[in-house]
Amino acid sequence: MGRVRLSVAERREELLRAAVEQIEARGVAAVRIADVASALGVSNALVLYHFSTKERLVAAAFAHAAEGDLAHLRRLLGRRTTALRRLRAAVHWYAPTGRAKGWRLWIEGWAAALREPALRDVAQDLDRRWKAALTEVIAEGTAAGEFRCEDPVAAAWRLTAFLDGLAVQMTAYAAPFSRAAMLAWADEALAREIGLAGPDTPNGPDTPAGPDTPAGPDTSRA
């Protein structure tokens, strides 16, 4: 039975998903057009028809992954609940949790961005939009009197830098700490940034329950 004929948009989506999977498995430097084509059972020429070079394919694959991450973040931060609960849900999703498949992708991307301007643009855009989303919710919670933060922009930058560094340690160096410890540190970092003091803050009554808490965060980034 032949392959189903896809529209141009559907074909690009299929190729981008396959490219992300191959980059995660092989790394940016090692992945080839042929790997993506082989994974889908299509010709190299078809991949090149849509993206023309490996560099453009890789940049588009990272942009595709970034949009997926941002869409998930928007869902978390757009919930109809307190700013505090939304921030904790976002931090729990973003923080390293031991299932770091998505973090391997982004660490690969950061390294490749040093040499590839197109990748650098994608990584910077994701970083900028992530920080802007956090800043907005921190400012919202401050205005509502849920917590205190004199500089939401700086708080979002510091929190992101902490989580990124934690992810590198956990993913690249296999840090000898448990998933629970990593999440506790992330909660403590958030509590410091928004002026919530006290030993009960990380696991207090406002801690969100469900799939975005320690039981099972999304694996596209964490």
Protein backbone atom coordinates (compact mmCIF):
# COMPACT_ATOMS: atom_id res chain seq x y z
CA MET A 1 0.00 0.00 0.00
CA GLY A 2 1.49 3.38 -1.00
CA ARG A 3 2.09 6.32 1.29
CA VAL A 4 -0.80 8.70 1.86
CA ARG A 5 -0.37 11.88 -0.15
CA LEU A 6 0.17 14.80 2.21
CA SER A 7 -0.28 18.50 1.70
CA VAL A 8 2.82 20.69 1.71
CA ALA A 9 2.09 21.81 5.28
CA GLU A 10 1.51 18.25 6.47
CA ARG A 11 4.69 17.05 4.80
CA ARG A 12 6.75 19.82 6.39
CA GLU A 13 5.25 18.97 9.78
CA GLU A 14 6.16 15.32 9.31
CA LEU A 15 9.72 16.18 8.26
CA LEU A 16 10.18 18.56 11.20
CA ARG A 17 8.99 16.00 13.73
CA ALA A 18 11.38 13.44 12.28
CA ALA A 19 14.23 15.96 12.30
CA VAL A 20 13.66 16.74 15.97
CA GLU A 21 13.72 13.03 16.81
CA GLN A 22 16.93 12.51 14.84
CA ILE A 23 18.65 15.51 16.43
CA GLU A 24 17.70 14.22 19.87
CA ALA A 25 19.10 10.80 19.01
CA ARG A 26 22.24 11.79 17.09
CA GLY A 27 23.06 15.39 17.88
CA VAL A 28 23.21 18.41 15.58
CA ALA A 29 26.69 17.72 14.24
CA ALA A 30 26.06 14.07 13.38
CA VAL A 31 22.54 14.21 12.01
CA ARG A 32 22.23 13.99 8.22
CA ILE A 33 19.52 14.67 5.67
CA ALA A 34 19.67 10.94 4.95
CA ASP A 35 18.78 10.12 8.58
CA VAL A 36 15.59 12.15 8.41
CA ALA A 37 14.68 10.72 5.01
CA SER A 38 15.34 7.16 6.14
CA ALA A 39 13.24 7.58 9.29
CA LEU A 40 10.24 8.42 7.11
CA GLY A 41 11.00 6.16 4.18
CA VAL A 42 11.30 9.06 1.74
CA SER A 43 14.09 10.28 -0.53
CA ASN A 44 16.83 12.76 0.36
CA ALA A 45 15.57 14.86 -2.55
CA LEU A 46 12.16 15.27 -0.90
CA VAL A 47 13.73 16.59 2.30
CA LEU A 48 15.94 18.97 0.31
CA TYR A 49 12.94 20.12 -1.75
CA HIS A 50 11.32 21.44 1.43
CA PHE A 51 14.41 22.77 3.25
CA SER A 52 17.24 22.99 0.63
CA THR A 53 20.09 22.48 3.15
CA LYS A 54 20.74 20.62 6.38
CA GLU A 55 21.30 23.95 8.16
CA ARG A 56 17.83 25.19 7.20
CA LEU A 57 16.26 21.90 8.21
CA VAL A 58 17.94 21.97 11.62
CA ALA A 59 16.97 25.60 12.25
CA ALA A 60 13.37 24.87 11.24
CA ALA A 61 13.32 21.78 13.49
CA PHE A 62 14.41 23.82 16.50
CA ALA A 63 11.85 26.50 15.69
CA HIS A 64 9.20 23.77 15.51
CA ALA A 65 10.25 22.41 18.92
CA ALA A 66 10.32 25.93 20.36
CA GLU A 67 6.77 26.64 19.24
CA GLY A 68 5.63 23.43 20.88
CA ASP A 69 7.28 24.43 24.16
CA LEU A 70 5.80 27.92 24.04
CA ALA A 71 2.33 26.58 23.29
CA HIS A 72 2.54 24.35 26.36
CA LEU A 73 3.81 27.24 28.48
CA ARG A 74 0.92 29.42 27.33
CA ARG A 75 -1.53 26.70 28.34
CA LEU A 76 0.01 26.49 31.82
CA LEU A 77 0.14 30.24 32.36
CA GLY A 78 -3.30 30.81 30.86
CA ARG A 79 -5.19 28.69 33.37
CA ARG A 80 -7.90 30.31 35.43
CA THR A 81 -6.20 30.08 38.79
CA THR A 82 -3.83 32.14 40.93
CA ALA A 83 -0.59 33.53 39.54
CA LEU A 84 1.28 31.53 42.17
CA ARG A 85 -0.19 28.23 41.06
CA ARG A 86 0.48 29.03 37.42
CA LEU A 87 4.10 29.96 38.13
CA ARG A 88 4.69 26.77 40.09
CA ALA A 89 3.15 24.67 37.33
CA ALA A 90 5.44 26.34 34.77
CA VAL A 91 8.54 25.89 36.93
CA HIS A 92 7.74 22.23 37.59
CA TRP A 93 7.34 21.62 33.86
CA TYR A 94 10.50 23.50 32.88
CA ALA A 95 12.78 22.14 35.59
CA PRO A 96 14.91 19.03 34.91
CA THR A 97 13.23 15.91 36.19
CA GLY A 98 15.45 13.02 35.16
CA ARG A 99 13.54 12.36 31.90
CA ALA A 100 15.67 14.92 30.10
CA LYS A 101 15.09 13.98 26.46
CA GLY A 102 13.89 17.47 25.59
CA TRP A 103 16.69 19.12 27.52
CA ARG A 104 19.24 17.20 25.47
CA LEU A 105 17.72 18.78 22.39
CA TRP A 106 18.04 22.29 23.77
CA ILE A 107 21.57 21.82 25.10
CA GLU A 108 22.52 20.60 21.62
CA GLY A 109 20.87 23.70 20.21
CA TRP A 110 22.67 26.09 22.54
CA ALA A 111 26.02 24.59 21.61
CA ALA A 112 25.30 24.69 17.87
CA ALA A 113 24.02 28.28 18.17
CA LEU A 114 27.58 29.44 18.85
CA ARG A 115 28.36 28.67 15.19
CA GLU A 116 24.96 28.88 13.48
CA PRO A 117 23.26 32.32 13.41
CA ALA A 118 19.90 30.81 12.43
CA LEU A 119 19.92 28.53 15.47
CA ARG A 120 21.02 31.40 17.68
CA ASP A 121 18.01 33.41 16.53
CA VAL A 122 15.65 30.54 17.35
CA ALA A 123 17.17 29.99 20.80
CA GLN A 124 17.12 33.70 21.63
CA ASP A 125 13.52 34.06 20.53
CA LEU A 126 12.42 31.12 22.69
CA ASP A 127 14.37 32.50 25.65
CA ARG A 128 12.93 35.99 25.18
CA ARG A 129 9.33 34.78 24.96
CA TRP A 130 9.73 32.41 27.93
CA LYS A 131 11.06 35.24 30.11
CA ALA A 132 8.36 37.63 28.91
CA ALA A 133 5.64 35.12 29.82
CA LEU A 134 7.10 34.59 33.29
CA THR A 135 7.53 38.33 33.78
CA GLU A 136 3.88 38.95 32.93
CA VAL A 137 2.57 36.44 35.47
CA ILE A 138 4.99 37.58 38.19
CA ALA A 139 3.85 41.17 37.63
CA GLU A 140 0.20 40.05 37.69
CA GLY A 141 0.64 38.21 40.99
CA THR A 142 2.47 41.17 42.51
CA ALA A 143 -0.30 43.58 41.46
CA ALA A 144 -2.91 41.24 42.94
CA GLY A 145 -1.07 41.10 46.26
CA GLU A 146 -0.36 37.37 46.08
CA PHE A 147 3.36 37.91 46.65
CA ARG A 148 6.05 40.58 46.46
CA CYS A 149 8.50 41.22 43.65
CA GLU A 150 10.05 44.62 43.01
CA ASP A 151 11.49 43.70 39.60
CA PRO A 152 9.58 40.98 37.72
CA VAL A 153 11.91 41.19 34.71
CA ALA A 154 15.02 40.55 36.80
CA ALA A 155 13.22 37.79 38.71
CA ALA A 156 12.32 36.02 35.46
CA TRP A 157 15.92 36.28 34.25
CA ARG A 158 17.40 34.91 37.49
CA LEU A 159 14.86 32.08 37.71
CA THR A 160 15.44 31.06 34.09
CA ALA A 161 19.23 31.14 34.54
CA PHE A 162 18.94 28.92 37.62
CA LEU A 163 16.71 26.37 35.89
CA ASP A 164 18.86 26.31 32.74
CA GLY A 165 21.99 25.71 34.83
CA LEU A 166 20.26 22.98 36.81
CA ALA A 167 19.22 21.30 33.58
CA VAL A 168 22.76 21.32 32.22
CA GLN A 169 24.09 19.77 35.41
CA MET A 170 21.39 17.10 35.44
CA THR A 171 21.53 16.31 31.72
CA ALA A 172 25.18 16.71 30.77
CA TYR A 173 26.80 15.61 34.00
CA ALA A 174 24.24 13.24 35.55
CA ALA A 175 24.16 15.17 38.83
CA PRO A 176 23.81 12.81 41.83
CA PHE A 177 20.55 14.30 43.08
CA SER A 178 17.03 12.98 42.94
CA ARG A 179 14.18 14.34 40.86
CA ALA A 180 12.43 15.35 44.07
CA ALA A 181 15.48 17.35 45.19
CA MET A 182 15.62 19.18 41.85
CA LEU A 183 11.96 20.15 42.09
CA ALA A 184 12.39 21.28 45.70
CA TRP A 185 15.29 23.53 44.66
CA ALA A 186 13.21 24.95 41.83
CA ASP A 187 10.36 25.70 44.24
CA GLU A 188 12.78 27.35 46.65
CA ALA A 189 14.24 29.51 43.87
CA LEU A 190 10.75 30.63 42.85
CA ALA A 191 9.83 31.36 46.46
CA ARG A 192 12.92 33.55 46.89
CA GLU A 193 12.18 35.51 43.73
CA ILE A 194 8.59 36.33 44.71
CA GLY A 195 9.20 37.01 48.39
CA LEU A 196 7.57 33.92 49.87
CA ALA A 197 9.52 32.94 52.95
CA GLY A 198 9.12 29.92 55.19
CA PRO A 199 9.87 26.19 55.06
CA ASP A 200 6.32 25.29 54.08
CA THR A 201 6.24 27.43 50.94
CA PRO A 202 7.39 24.86 48.32
CA ASN A 203 4.78 22.31 49.34
CA GLY A 204 2.11 24.55 50.77
CA PRO A 205 -1.63 24.49 49.99
CA ASP A 206 -1.19 26.47 46.77
CA THR A 207 1.05 23.83 45.17
CA PRO A 208 -0.81 22.72 42.03
CA ALA A 209 -1.85 19.12 41.70
CA GLY A 210 -1.95 17.17 38.49
CA PRO A 211 0.31 16.23 35.57
CA ASP A 212 2.33 19.46 35.67
CA THR A 213 3.61 18.88 39.21
CA PRO A 214 6.26 16.36 40.34
CA ALA A 215 4.15 13.38 39.28
CA GLY A 216 4.80 13.88 35.56
CA PRO A 217 5.74 17.12 33.82
CA ASP A 218 5.68 17.43 30.06
CA THR A 219 8.79 15.91 28.45
CA SER A 220 9.07 18.30 25.50
CA ARG A 221 11.38 20.49 27.52
CA ALA A 222 11.99 18.72 30.77
